[in-house]
Amino acid sequence: MWASWVYDNPGIDSDNDSLFGEYRLCCLDTLIDYIDTPQTETLKIDTHWLYNQCDTFWYKGDNVPDFRGASPPPSPASWAVCGCTLSR
């Protein structure tokens, strides 16, 4: 799986055609928006859900090779300065 992700990175548009690959939505927080009873069927109750928080999980690339692996984290923007004095 990792080798295929390095070959073709999921969620990355390699050739600028607005295709990022295949994904799955994982919705964790839901509320009942309203409950509806269709007029044609009185015994059927339809519940409409309202999704508050969804996360996108990319699992397949756009079929264009990327050959990009994990990169190192960026360097910190701070510097360490010694507050001591040197004497000879």
N, C-alpha and C. Protein backbone atom coordinates (compact mmCIF):
# COMPACT_ATOMS: atom_id res chain seq x y z
N MET A 1 0.83 -1.17 0.00
CA MET A 1 0.00 0.00 0.00
C MET A 1 0.88 1.25 0.00
N TRP A 2 1.93 1.27 0.85
CA TRP A 2 2.80 2.44 0.89
C TRP A 2 3.54 2.63 -0.44
N ALA A 3 3.95 1.54 -1.06
CA ALA A 3 4.65 1.65 -2.34
C ALA A 3 3.73 2.25 -3.41
N SER A 4 2.46 1.87 -3.41
CA SER A 4 1.54 2.44 -4.39
C SER A 4 1.25 3.90 -4.07
N TRP A 5 1.25 4.29 -2.79
CA TRP A 5 1.03 5.68 -2.43
C TRP A 5 2.22 6.55 -2.79
N VAL A 6 3.44 6.02 -2.73
CA VAL A 6 4.62 6.78 -3.16
C VAL A 6 4.60 6.93 -4.68
N TYR A 7 4.19 5.88 -5.39
CA TYR A 7 4.10 5.93 -6.85
C TYR A 7 3.04 6.93 -7.30
N ASP A 8 1.89 6.92 -6.67
CA ASP A 8 0.78 7.80 -7.03
C ASP A 8 0.14 8.30 -5.74
N ASN A 9 0.48 9.52 -5.32
CA ASN A 9 0.03 10.07 -4.05
C ASN A 9 -1.47 10.32 -4.03
N PRO A 10 -2.21 9.75 -3.07
CA PRO A 10 -3.65 10.03 -2.97
C PRO A 10 -3.89 11.48 -2.53
N GLY A 11 -4.88 12.12 -3.11
CA GLY A 11 -5.24 13.48 -2.75
C GLY A 11 -4.39 14.55 -3.40
N ILE A 12 -3.50 14.19 -4.31
CA ILE A 12 -2.63 15.14 -5.01
C ILE A 12 -3.00 15.15 -6.49
N ASP A 13 -3.28 16.33 -7.03
CA ASP A 13 -3.59 16.48 -8.45
C ASP A 13 -2.28 16.66 -9.20
N SER A 14 -1.81 15.62 -9.87
CA SER A 14 -0.49 15.64 -10.51
C SER A 14 -0.46 16.37 -11.83
N ASP A 15 -1.55 16.35 -12.58
CA ASP A 15 -1.54 16.93 -13.92
C ASP A 15 -2.52 18.10 -14.07
N ASN A 16 -2.95 18.70 -12.97
CA ASN A 16 -3.82 19.89 -12.96
C ASN A 16 -5.10 19.72 -13.76
N ASP A 17 -5.74 18.55 -13.64
CA ASP A 17 -7.03 18.34 -14.29
C ASP A 17 -8.19 18.27 -13.28
N SER A 18 -7.96 18.71 -12.06
CA SER A 18 -8.94 18.77 -10.96
C SER A 18 -9.40 17.40 -10.50
N LEU A 19 -8.65 16.34 -10.79
CA LEU A 19 -8.93 15.01 -10.27
C LEU A 19 -7.86 14.66 -9.24
N PHE A 20 -8.28 14.38 -8.01
CA PHE A 20 -7.35 14.13 -6.93
C PHE A 20 -7.31 12.66 -6.53
N GLY A 21 -8.11 11.82 -7.14
CA GLY A 21 -8.15 10.40 -6.81
C GLY A 21 -9.47 10.03 -6.16
N GLU A 22 -9.50 8.83 -5.59
CA GLU A 22 -10.71 8.33 -4.95
C GLU A 22 -10.64 8.58 -3.45
N TYR A 23 -11.80 8.88 -2.87
CA TYR A 23 -11.83 9.20 -1.45
C TYR A 23 -13.09 8.64 -0.81
N ARG A 24 -13.08 8.65 0.50
CA ARG A 24 -14.22 8.21 1.29
C ARG A 24 -14.45 9.27 2.37
N LEU A 25 -15.71 9.65 2.60
CA LEU A 25 -16.04 10.62 3.64
C LEU A 25 -16.38 9.87 4.92
N CYS A 26 -15.77 10.25 6.01
CA CYS A 26 -16.05 9.68 7.32
C CYS A 26 -16.67 10.77 8.17
N CYS A 27 -17.97 10.69 8.39
CA CYS A 27 -18.69 11.70 9.17
C CYS A 27 -18.90 11.18 10.58
N LEU A 28 -18.37 11.92 11.54
CA LEU A 28 -18.40 11.47 12.93
C LEU A 28 -19.50 12.13 13.75
N ASP A 29 -19.85 13.36 13.45
CA ASP A 29 -20.80 14.10 14.26
C ASP A 29 -22.05 14.37 13.43
N THR A 30 -23.18 13.80 13.82
CA THR A 30 -24.42 13.96 13.06
C THR A 30 -25.55 14.40 13.99
N LEU A 31 -26.52 15.06 13.41
CA LEU A 31 -27.75 15.45 14.10
C LEU A 31 -28.93 15.11 13.21
N ILE A 32 -30.08 14.88 13.81
CA ILE A 32 -31.30 14.69 13.02
C ILE A 32 -31.78 16.07 12.61
N ASP A 33 -31.85 16.31 11.30
CA ASP A 33 -32.30 17.60 10.78
C ASP A 33 -33.83 17.69 10.87
N TYR A 34 -34.51 16.73 10.28
CA TYR A 34 -35.97 16.64 10.40
C TYR A 34 -36.41 15.24 10.01
N ILE A 35 -37.59 14.89 10.45
CA ILE A 35 -38.17 13.58 10.13
C ILE A 35 -39.36 13.84 9.22
N ASP A 36 -39.39 13.12 8.09
CA ASP A 36 -40.38 13.37 7.05
C ASP A 36 -41.18 12.11 6.81
N THR A 37 -42.47 12.26 6.60
CA THR A 37 -43.32 11.15 6.18
C THR A 37 -43.81 11.47 4.78
N PRO A 38 -43.40 10.65 3.80
CA PRO A 38 -43.86 10.89 2.42
C PRO A 38 -45.38 10.79 2.34
N GLN A 39 -45.99 11.62 1.51
CA GLN A 39 -47.45 11.64 1.41
C GLN A 39 -48.00 10.43 0.69
N THR A 40 -47.19 9.76 -0.11
CA THR A 40 -47.70 8.59 -0.83
C THR A 40 -47.70 7.34 0.05
N GLU A 41 -46.81 7.26 1.01
CA GLU A 41 -46.74 6.09 1.89
C GLU A 41 -46.81 6.59 3.33
N THR A 42 -47.92 6.32 4.00
CA THR A 42 -48.10 6.83 5.35
C THR A 42 -47.34 6.01 6.39
N LEU A 43 -46.95 4.79 6.07
CA LEU A 43 -46.24 3.96 7.03
C LEU A 43 -44.72 4.11 6.94
N LYS A 44 -44.25 4.87 5.99
CA LYS A 44 -42.81 5.04 5.81
C LYS A 44 -42.38 6.37 6.44
N ILE A 45 -41.36 6.31 7.28
CA ILE A 45 -40.80 7.51 7.90
C ILE A 45 -39.38 7.66 7.40
N ASP A 46 -39.06 8.84 6.91
CA ASP A 46 -37.73 9.11 6.36
C ASP A 46 -37.04 10.13 7.26
N THR A 47 -35.85 9.78 7.74
CA THR A 47 -35.08 10.67 8.60
C THR A 47 -34.00 11.35 7.79
N HIS A 48 -33.93 12.66 7.90
CA HIS A 48 -32.90 13.44 7.20
C HIS A 48 -31.84 13.85 8.21
N TRP A 49 -30.59 13.48 7.91
CA TRP A 49 -29.48 13.73 8.82
C TRP A 49 -28.72 14.96 8.39
N LEU A 50 -28.18 15.67 9.37
CA LEU A 50 -27.35 16.84 9.14
C LEU A 50 -25.96 16.51 9.64
N TYR A 51 -24.97 16.53 8.75
CA TYR A 51 -23.60 16.17 9.11
C TYR A 51 -22.84 17.43 9.52
N ASN A 52 -22.32 17.43 10.74
CA ASN A 52 -21.61 18.60 11.25
C ASN A 52 -20.11 18.54 10.98
N GLN A 53 -19.53 17.37 11.08
CA GLN A 53 -18.07 17.26 10.96
C GLN A 53 -17.73 16.03 10.14
N CYS A 54 -17.15 16.23 8.97
CA CYS A 54 -16.75 15.12 8.11
C CYS A 54 -15.26 15.24 7.80
N ASP A 55 -14.62 14.10 7.63
CA ASP A 55 -13.20 14.04 7.30
C ASP A 55 -13.05 13.28 5.99
N THR A 56 -12.18 13.75 5.11
CA THR A 56 -11.96 13.11 3.82
C THR A 56 -10.75 12.19 3.93
N PHE A 57 -10.93 10.93 3.56
CA PHE A 57 -9.85 9.94 3.56
C PHE A 57 -9.56 9.57 2.11
N TRP A 58 -8.41 10.00 1.60
CA TRP A 58 -7.99 9.67 0.24
C TRP A 58 -7.31 8.32 0.26
N TYR A 59 -7.74 7.38 -0.58
CA TYR A 59 -7.16 6.04 -0.58
C TYR A 59 -6.60 5.63 -1.94
N LYS A 60 -6.79 6.41 -2.98
CA LYS A 60 -6.25 6.08 -4.30
C LYS A 60 -5.91 7.37 -5.02
N GLY A 61 -4.82 7.36 -5.77
CA GLY A 61 -4.37 8.55 -6.49
C GLY A 61 -5.12 8.78 -7.79
N ASP A 62 -4.60 9.70 -8.61
CA ASP A 62 -5.25 10.10 -9.86
C ASP A 62 -4.69 9.38 -11.08
N ASN A 63 -3.98 8.28 -10.88
CA ASN A 63 -3.41 7.44 -11.96
C ASN A 63 -2.32 8.15 -12.76
N VAL A 64 -1.69 9.16 -12.17
CA VAL A 64 -0.53 9.82 -12.77
C VAL A 64 0.61 9.67 -11.77
N PRO A 65 1.76 9.09 -12.17
CA PRO A 65 2.84 8.85 -11.22
C PRO A 65 3.38 10.13 -10.60
N ASP A 66 3.62 10.08 -9.28
CA ASP A 66 4.18 11.22 -8.56
C ASP A 66 5.61 10.94 -8.09
N PHE A 67 5.85 9.74 -7.61
CA PHE A 67 7.15 9.31 -7.05
C PHE A 67 7.61 10.25 -5.94
N ARG A 68 6.70 10.63 -5.05
CA ARG A 68 7.06 11.48 -3.91
C ARG A 68 6.76 10.72 -2.62
N GLY A 69 7.78 10.58 -1.82
CA GLY A 69 7.61 9.94 -0.52
C GLY A 69 7.39 10.98 0.56
N ALA A 70 7.44 10.54 1.78
CA ALA A 70 7.27 11.46 2.91
C ALA A 70 8.47 12.40 2.99
N SER A 71 8.22 13.66 3.21
CA SER A 71 9.30 14.63 3.31
C SER A 71 9.58 14.92 4.78
N PRO A 72 10.78 15.41 5.10
CA PRO A 72 11.09 15.73 6.49
C PRO A 72 10.28 16.94 6.95
N PRO A 73 10.10 17.11 8.24
CA PRO A 73 9.35 18.28 8.72
C PRO A 73 10.13 19.56 8.46
N PRO A 74 9.45 20.69 8.39
CA PRO A 74 10.15 21.95 8.15
C PRO A 74 11.03 22.33 9.34
N SER A 75 12.08 23.07 9.05
CA SER A 75 12.97 23.49 10.13
C SER A 75 12.28 24.52 11.00
N PRO A 76 12.63 24.57 12.28
CA PRO A 76 11.99 25.54 13.17
C PRO A 76 12.39 26.98 12.83
N ALA A 77 11.53 27.91 13.16
CA ALA A 77 11.78 29.31 12.86
C ALA A 77 12.46 30.03 14.02
N SER A 78 12.99 29.31 14.99
CA SER A 78 13.63 29.92 16.14
C SER A 78 15.13 29.57 16.15
N TRP A 79 15.89 30.39 16.86
CA TRP A 79 17.32 30.19 16.97
C TRP A 79 17.70 30.12 18.44
N ALA A 80 18.70 29.33 18.76
CA ALA A 80 19.22 29.26 20.13
C ALA A 80 20.43 30.18 20.22
N VAL A 81 20.41 31.08 21.18
CA VAL A 81 21.48 32.05 21.35
C VAL A 81 22.09 31.84 22.73
N CYS A 82 23.39 31.74 22.78
CA CYS A 82 24.10 31.57 24.05
C CYS A 82 24.23 32.93 24.72
N GLY A 83 23.82 33.02 25.99
CA GLY A 83 23.88 34.27 26.71
C GLY A 83 25.13 34.38 27.56
N CYS A 84 26.10 33.53 27.36
CA CYS A 84 27.31 33.55 28.18
C CYS A 84 28.43 34.30 27.44
N THR A 85 29.44 34.73 28.19
CA THR A 85 30.58 35.42 27.59
C THR A 85 31.79 34.51 27.65
N LEU A 86 32.62 34.59 26.65
CA LEU A 86 33.82 33.78 26.59
C LEU A 86 35.00 34.63 27.00
N SER A 87 35.84 34.11 27.86
CA SER A 87 37.04 34.85 28.28
C SER A 87 38.27 33.99 28.00
N ARG A 88 39.39 34.66 27.74
CA ARG A 88 40.64 33.95 27.45
C ARG A 88 41.61 34.13 28.55
